C-alpha cells in the first residue's frame, strides 16, 4: 500500500511539473503554488474559463493599483 501511495504522489508531482512547463511556455506567469491551487479548484468543479477570467481581472486591477502608486 505505501508503494501505491508513493507512486500516486510521484505521478501527481510529474503531472504538476508538466503543467508548470506548459504554463511557462504559454507565459501565464503562474508560479507552481498558484498553478496547484488553480488545478485543485478546477478538480473540485470550478469552471476553468471563469477562473481564467478572475485571474485576468485581478491582474488588471493589480496593474491599475501599481500604476497609481
PDB file of N, CA and C in Angstrom:
ATOM      1  N   UNK A   1       0.811  -1.208   0.000  1.00  0.00           N
ATOM      2  CA  UNK A   1       0.000   0.000   0.000  1.00  0.00           C
ATOM      3  C   UNK A   1       0.848   1.263   0.000  1.00  0.00           C
ATOM      4  N   UNK A   2       1.882   1.362   0.851  1.00  0.00           N
ATOM      5  CA  UNK A   2       2.694   2.568   0.825  1.00  0.00           C
ATOM      6  C   UNK A   2       3.333   2.808  -0.547  1.00  0.00           C
ATOM      7  N   UNK A   3       3.659   1.737  -1.254  1.00  0.00           N
ATOM      8  CA  UNK A   3       4.244   1.886  -2.581  1.00  0.00           C
ATOM      9  C   UNK A   3       3.233   2.504  -3.545  1.00  0.00           C
ATOM     10  N   UNK A   4       1.979   2.103  -3.442  1.00  0.00           N
ATOM     11  CA  UNK A   4       0.942   2.676  -4.294  1.00  0.00           C
ATOM     12  C   UNK A   4       0.770   4.165  -3.990  1.00  0.00           C
ATOM     13  N   UNK A   5       0.808   4.509  -2.727  1.00  0.00           N
ATOM     14  CA  UNK A   5       0.670   5.912  -2.329  1.00  0.00           C
ATOM     15  C   UNK A   5       1.841   6.733  -2.845  1.00  0.00           C
ATOM     16  N   UNK A   6       3.052   6.204  -2.726  1.00  0.00           N
ATOM     17  CA  UNK A   6       4.216   6.941  -3.212  1.00  0.00           C
ATOM     18  C   UNK A   6       4.197   7.036  -4.734  1.00  0.00           C
ATOM     19  N   UNK A   7       3.690   6.008  -5.419  1.00  0.00           N
ATOM     20  CA  UNK A   7       3.542   6.068  -6.875  1.00  0.00           C
ATOM     21  C   UNK A   7       2.534   7.148  -7.263  1.00  0.00           C
ATOM     22  N   UNK A   8       1.441   7.227  -6.514  1.00  0.00           N
ATOM     23  CA  UNK A   8       0.416   8.229  -6.784  1.00  0.00           C
ATOM     24  C   UNK A   8       0.969   9.642  -6.582  1.00  0.00           C
ATOM     25  N   UNK A   9       1.730   9.827  -5.529  1.00  0.00           N
ATOM     26  CA  UNK A   9       2.330  11.141  -5.248  1.00  0.00           C
ATOM     27  C   UNK A   9       3.342  11.508  -6.330  1.00  0.00           C
ATOM     28  N   UNK A  10       4.157  10.539  -6.725  1.00  0.00           N
ATOM     29  CA  UNK A  10       5.145  10.794  -7.778  1.00  0.00           C
ATOM     30  C   UNK A  10       4.463  11.141  -9.093  1.00  0.00           C
ATOM     31  N   UNK A  11       3.375  10.459  -9.396  1.00  0.00           N
ATOM     32  CA  UNK A  11       2.627  10.726 -10.621  1.00  0.00           C
ATOM     33  C   UNK A  11       2.017  12.130 -10.582  1.00  0.00           C
ATOM     34  N   UNK A  12       1.462  12.500  -9.437  1.00  0.00           N
ATOM     35  CA  UNK A  12       0.871  13.829  -9.287  1.00  0.00           C
ATOM     36  C   UNK A  12       1.941  14.910  -9.434  1.00  0.00           C
ATOM     37  N   UNK A  13       3.109  14.676  -8.866  1.00  0.00           N
ATOM     38  CA  UNK A  13       4.208  15.644  -8.968  1.00  0.00           C
ATOM     39  C   UNK A  13       4.668  15.780 -10.411  1.00  0.00           C
ATOM     40  N   UNK A  14       4.761  14.651 -11.106  1.00  0.00           N
ATOM     41  CA  UNK A  14       5.169  14.684 -12.510  1.00  0.00           C
ATOM     42  C   UNK A  14       4.144  15.452 -13.354  1.00  0.00           C
ATOM     43  N   UNK A  15       2.878  15.221 -13.074  1.00  0.00           N
ATOM     44  CA  UNK A  15       1.818  15.933 -13.788  1.00  0.00           C
ATOM     45  C   UNK A  15       1.910  17.434 -13.530  1.00  0.00           C
ATOM     46  N   UNK A  16       2.123  17.813 -12.280  1.00  0.00           N
ATOM     47  CA  UNK A  16       2.264  19.230 -11.952  1.00  0.00           C
ATOM     48  C   UNK A  16       3.476  19.837 -12.647  1.00  0.00           C
ATOM     49  N   UNK A  17       4.572  19.099 -12.691  1.00  0.00           N
ATOM     50  CA  UNK A  17       5.773  19.602 -13.372  1.00  0.00           C
ATOM     51  C   UNK A  17       5.504  19.848 -14.858  1.00  0.00           C
ATOM     52  N   UNK A  18       4.775  18.929 -15.491  1.00  0.00           N
ATOM     53  CA  UNK A  18       4.435  19.092 -16.904  1.00  0.00           C
ATOM     54  C   UNK A  18       3.519  20.294 -17.097  1.00  0.00           C
ATOM     55  N   UNK A  19       2.503  20.424 -16.228  1.00  0.00           N
ATOM     56  CA  UNK A  19       1.605  21.580 -16.317  1.00  0.00           C
ATOM     57  C   UNK A  19       2.366  22.890 -16.115  1.00  0.00           C
ATOM     58  N   UNK A  20       3.321  22.879 -15.206  1.00  0.00           N
ATOM     59  CA  UNK A  20       4.114  24.086 -14.954  1.00  0.00           C
ATOM     60  C   UNK A  20       4.947  24.445 -16.183  1.00  0.00           C
ATOM     61  N   UNK A  21       5.568  23.439 -16.808  1.00  0.00           N
ATOM     62  CA  UNK A  21       6.349  23.688 -18.014  1.00  0.00           C
ATOM     63  C   UNK A  21       5.458  24.267 -19.119  1.00  0.00           C
ATOM     64  N   UNK A  22       4.258  23.712 -19.257  1.00  0.00           N
ATOM     65  CA  UNK A  22       3.322  24.229 -20.256  1.00  0.00           C
ATOM     66  C   UNK A  22       2.943  25.674 -19.940  1.00  0.00           C
ATOM     67  N   UNK A  23       2.702  25.952 -18.661  1.00  0.00           N
ATOM     68  CA  UNK A  23       2.311  27.311 -18.284  1.00  0.00           C
ATOM     69  C   UNK A  23       3.450  28.289 -18.546  1.00  0.00           C
ATOM     70  N   UNK A  24       4.682  27.843 -18.397  1.00  0.00           N
ATOM     71  CA  UNK A  24       5.829  28.704 -18.699  1.00  0.00           C
ATOM     72  C   UNK A  24       5.913  28.979 -20.195  1.00  0.00           C
ATOM     73  N   UNK A  25       5.681  27.949 -21.013  1.00  0.00           N
ATOM     74  CA  UNK A  25       5.705  28.123 -22.465  1.00  0.00           C
ATOM     75  C   UNK A  25       4.610  29.081 -22.935  1.00  0.00           C
ATOM     76  N   UNK A  26       3.487  29.073 -22.219  1.00  0.00           N
ATOM     77  CA  UNK A  26       2.357  29.928 -22.566  1.00  0.00           C
ATOM     78  C   UNK A  26       2.426  31.296 -21.885  1.00  0.00           C
ATOM     79  N   UNK A  27       3.503  31.533 -21.125  1.00  0.00           N
ATOM     80  CA  UNK A  27       3.703  32.817 -20.438  1.00  0.00           C
ATOM     81  C   UNK A  27       2.525  33.194 -19.543  1.00  0.00           C
ATOM     82  N   UNK A  28       2.063  32.241 -18.748  1.00  0.00           N
ATOM     83  CA  UNK A  28       0.945  32.521 -17.846  1.00  0.00           C
ATOM     84  C   UNK A  28       1.381  33.300 -16.617  1.00  0.00           C
ATOM     85  N   UNK A  29       2.660  33.275 -16.310  1.00  0.00           N
ATOM     86  CA  UNK A  29       3.225  33.937 -15.128  1.00  0.00           C
ATOM     87  C   UNK A  29       2.634  33.388 -13.828  1.00  0.00           C
ATOM     88  N   UNK A  30       2.262  32.092 -13.843  1.00  0.00           N
ATOM     89  CA  UNK A  30       1.777  31.435 -12.622  1.00  0.00           C
ATOM     90  C   UNK A  30       2.920  30.653 -12.002  1.00  0.00           C
ATOM     91  N   UNK A  31       3.131  30.844 -10.703  1.00  0.00           N
ATOM     92  CA  UNK A  31       4.133  30.030 -10.029  1.00  0.00           C
ATOM     93  C   UNK A  31       3.517  28.662  -9.709  1.00  0.00           C
ATOM     94  N   UNK A  32       4.347  27.725  -9.249  1.00  0.00           N
ATOM     95  CA  UNK A  32       3.844  26.365  -9.002  1.00  0.00           C
ATOM     96  C   UNK A  32       2.747  26.331  -7.942  1.00  0.00           C
ATOM     97  N   UNK A  33       2.873  27.141  -6.923  1.00  0.00           N
ATOM     98  CA  UNK A  33       1.868  27.161  -5.858  1.00  0.00           C
ATOM     99  C   UNK A  33       0.515  27.640  -6.387  1.00  0.00           C
ATOM    100  N   UNK A  34       0.545  28.718  -7.166  1.00  0.00           N
ATOM    101  CA  UNK A  34      -0.695  29.246  -7.743  1.00  0.00           C
ATOM    102  C   UNK A  34      -1.285  28.262  -8.735  1.00  0.00           C
ATOM    103  N   UNK A  35      -0.436  27.651  -9.542  1.00  0.00           N
ATOM    104  CA  UNK A  35      -0.897  26.661 -10.504  1.00  0.00           C
ATOM    105  C   UNK A  35      -1.542  25.475  -9.789  1.00  0.00           C
ATOM    106  N   UNK A  36      -0.937  25.028  -8.707  1.00  0.00           N
ATOM    107  CA  UNK A  36      -1.501  23.929  -7.925  1.00  0.00           C
ATOM    108  C   UNK A  36      -2.879  24.306  -7.380  1.00  0.00           C
ATOM    109  N   UNK A  37      -3.005  25.528  -6.889  1.00  0.00           N
ATOM    110  CA  UNK A  37      -4.295  25.997  -6.375  1.00  0.00           C
ATOM    111  C   UNK A  37      -5.339  26.010  -7.487  1.00  0.00           C
ATOM    112  N   UNK A  38      -4.949  26.483  -8.655  1.00  0.00           N
ATOM    113  CA  UNK A  38      -5.882  26.509  -9.788  1.00  0.00           C
ATOM    114  C   UNK A  38      -6.318  25.097 -10.181  1.00  0.00           C
ATOM    115  N   UNK A  39      -5.380  24.177 -10.229  1.00  0.00           N
ATOM    116  CA  UNK A  39      -5.710  22.788 -10.580  1.00  0.00           C
ATOM    117  C   UNK A  39      -6.677  22.206  -9.556  1.00  0.00           C
ATOM    118  N   UNK A  40      -6.414  22.441  -8.282  1.00  0.00           N
ATOM    119  CA  UNK A  40      -7.311  21.925  -7.235  1.00  0.00           C
ATOM    120  C   UNK A  40      -8.710  22.520  -7.357  1.00  0.00           C
ATOM    121  N   UNK A  41      -8.780  23.797  -7.669  1.00  0.00           N
ATOM    122  CA  UNK A  41     -10.089  24.438  -7.831  1.00  0.00           C
ATOM    123  C   UNK A  41     -10.843  23.835  -9.015  1.00  0.00           C
ATOM    124  N   UNK A  42     -10.153  23.620 -10.118  1.00  0.00           N
ATOM    125  CA  UNK A  42     -10.783  23.022 -11.293  1.00  0.00           C
ATOM    126  C   UNK A  42     -11.221  21.595 -10.999  1.00  0.00           C
ATOM    127  N   UNK A  43     -10.376  20.841 -10.287  1.00  0.00           N
ATOM    128  CA  UNK A  43     -10.744  19.472  -9.923  1.00  0.00           C
ATOM    129  C   UNK A  43     -11.964  19.425  -9.013  1.00  0.00           C
ATOM    130  N   UNK A  44     -12.180  20.478  -8.248  1.00  0.00           N
ATOM    131  CA  UNK A  44     -13.334  20.496  -7.348  1.00  0.00           C
ATOM    132  C   UNK A  44     -14.573  21.107  -7.997  1.00  0.00           C
ATOM    133  N   UNK A  45     -14.485  21.427  -9.293  1.00  0.00           N
ATOM    134  CA  UNK A  45     -15.683  21.818 -10.015  1.00  0.00           C
ATOM    135  C   UNK A  45     -15.768  23.256 -10.487  1.00  0.00           C
ATOM    136  N   UNK A  46     -14.758  24.057 -10.195  1.00  0.00           N
ATOM    137  CA  UNK A  46     -14.770  25.446 -10.657  1.00  0.00           C
ATOM    138  C   UNK A  46     -14.644  25.469 -12.180  1.00  0.00           C
ATOM    139  N   UNK A  47     -15.394  26.326 -12.820  1.00  0.00           N
ATOM    140  CA  UNK A  47     -15.332  26.465 -14.272  1.00  0.00           C
ATOM    141  C   UNK A  47     -13.974  27.069 -14.650  1.00  0.00           C
ATOM    142  N   UNK A  48     -13.184  26.364 -15.488  1.00  0.00           N
ATOM    143  CA  UNK A  48     -11.848  26.872 -15.849  1.00  0.00           C
ATOM    144  C   UNK A  48     -11.872  28.233 -16.543  1.00  0.00           C
ATOM    145  N   UNK A  49     -12.880  28.468 -17.377  1.00  0.00           N
ATOM    146  CA  UNK A  49     -12.957  29.753 -18.068  1.00  0.00           C
ATOM    147  C   UNK A  49     -13.260  30.881 -17.088  1.00  0.00           C
ATOM    148  N   UNK A  50     -14.116  30.607 -16.131  1.00  0.00           N
ATOM    149  CA  UNK A  50     -14.424  31.608 -15.112  1.00  0.00           C
ATOM    150  C   UNK A  50     -13.193  31.893 -14.255  1.00  0.00           C
ATOM    151  N   UNK A  51     -12.457  30.857 -13.912  1.00  0.00           N
ATOM    152  CA  UNK A  51     -11.236  31.027 -13.125  1.00  0.00           C
ATOM    153  C   UNK A  51     -10.223  31.875 -13.892  1.00  0.00           C
ATOM    154  N   UNK A  52     -10.063  31.597 -15.178  1.00  0.00           N
ATOM    155  CA  UNK A  52      -9.141  32.383 -16.006  1.00  0.00           C
ATOM    156  C   UNK A  52      -9.572  33.843 -16.054  1.00  0.00           C
ATOM    157  N   UNK A  53     -10.876  34.076 -16.174  1.00  0.00           N
ATOM    158  CA  UNK A  53     -11.387  35.454 -16.208  1.00  0.00           C
ATOM    159  C   UNK A  53     -11.103  36.174 -14.895  1.00  0.00           C
ATOM    160  N   UNK A  54     -11.254  35.496 -13.776  1.00  0.00           N
ATOM    161  CA  UNK A  54     -10.979  36.104 -12.470  1.00  0.00           C
ATOM    162  C   UNK A  54      -9.494  36.443 -12.352  1.00  0.00           C
ATOM    163  N   UNK A  55      -8.636  35.533 -12.775  1.00  0.00           N
ATOM    164  CA  UNK A  55      -7.191  35.790 -12.708  1.00  0.00           C
ATOM    165  C   UNK A  55      -6.830  36.996 -13.565  1.00  0.00           C
ATOM    166  N   UNK A  56      -7.391  37.068 -14.771  1.00  0.00           N
ATOM    167  CA  UNK A  56      -7.113  38.209 -15.643  1.00  0.00           C
ATOM    168  C   UNK A  56      -7.601  39.516 -15.015  1.00  0.00           C
ATOM    169  N   UNK A  57      -8.775  39.497 -14.425  1.00  0.00           N
ATOM    170  CA  UNK A  57      -9.312  40.707 -13.793  1.00  0.00           C
ATOM    171  C   UNK A  57      -8.450  41.138 -12.602  1.00  0.00           C
ATOM    172  N   UNK A  58      -8.020  40.171 -11.807  1.00  0.00           N
ATOM    173  CA  UNK A  58      -7.146  40.501 -10.675  1.00  0.00           C
ATOM    174  C   UNK A  58      -5.835  41.114 -11.154  1.00  0.00           C
ATOM    175  N   UNK A  59      -5.308  40.600 -12.234  1.00  0.00           N
ATOM    176  CA  UNK A  59      -4.070  41.164 -12.783  1.00  0.00           C
ATOM    177  C   UNK A  59      -4.286  42.590 -13.289  1.00  0.00           C
ATOM    178  N   UNK A  60      -5.427  42.824 -13.941  1.00  0.00           N
ATOM    179  CA  UNK A  60      -5.735  44.185 -14.423  1.00  0.00           C
ATOM    180  C   UNK A  60      -5.849  45.154 -13.247  1.00  0.00           C
ATOM    181  N   UNK A  61      -6.555  44.722 -12.206  1.00  0.00           N
ATOM    182  CA  UNK A  61      -6.717  45.590 -11.041  1.00  0.00           C
ATOM    183  C   UNK A  61      -5.388  45.842 -10.352  1.00  0.00           C
ATOM    184  N   UNK A  62      -4.564  44.823 -10.278  1.00  0.00           N
ATOM    185  CA  UNK A  62      -3.248  44.982  -9.669  1.00  0.00           C
ATOM    186  C   UNK A  62      -2.405  45.966 -10.471  1.00  0.00           C
ATOM    187  N   UNK A  63      -2.446  45.851 -11.796  1.00  0.00           N
ATOM    188  CA  UNK A  63      -1.688  46.775 -12.650  1.00  0.00           C
ATOM    189  C   UNK A  63      -2.185  48.205 -12.472  1.00  0.00           C
ATOM    190  N   UNK A  64      -3.492  48.369 -12.326  1.00  0.00           N
ATOM    191  CA  UNK A  64      -4.055  49.707 -12.123  1.00  0.00           C
ATOM    192  C   UNK A  64      -3.586  50.270 -10.787  1.00  0.00           C
ATOM    193  N   UNK A  65      -3.566  49.458  -9.757  1.00  0.00           N
ATOM    194  CA  UNK A  65      -3.124  49.930  -8.436  1.00  0.00           C
ATOM    195  C   UNK A  65      -1.632  50.275  -8.455  1.00  0.00           C
ATOM    196  N   UNK A  66      -0.842  49.468  -9.128  1.00  0.00           N
ATOM    197  CA  UNK A  66       0.584  49.743  -9.219  1.00  0.00           C
ATOM    198  C   UNK A  66       0.825  51.016 -10.031  1.00  0.00           C
ATOM    199  N   UNK A  67      -0.009  51.210 -11.051  1.00  0.00           N
ATOM    200  CA  UNK A  67       0.112  52.409 -11.869  1.00  0.00           C
ATOM    201  C   UNK A  67      -0.211  53.675 -11.108  1.00  0.00           C
ATOM    202  N   UNK A  68      -1.106  53.585 -10.130  1.00  0.00           N
ATOM    203  CA  UNK A  68      -1.465  54.761  -9.320  1.00  0.00           C
ATOM    204  C   UNK A  68      -0.431  55.078  -8.260  1.00  0.00           C
ATOM    205  N   UNK A  69       0.323  54.069  -7.864  1.00  0.00           N
ATOM    206  CA  UNK A  69       1.287  54.270  -6.763  1.00  0.00           C
ATOM    207  C   UNK A  69       2.527  55.005  -7.186  1.00  0.00           C
TER     208      UNK A  69
END
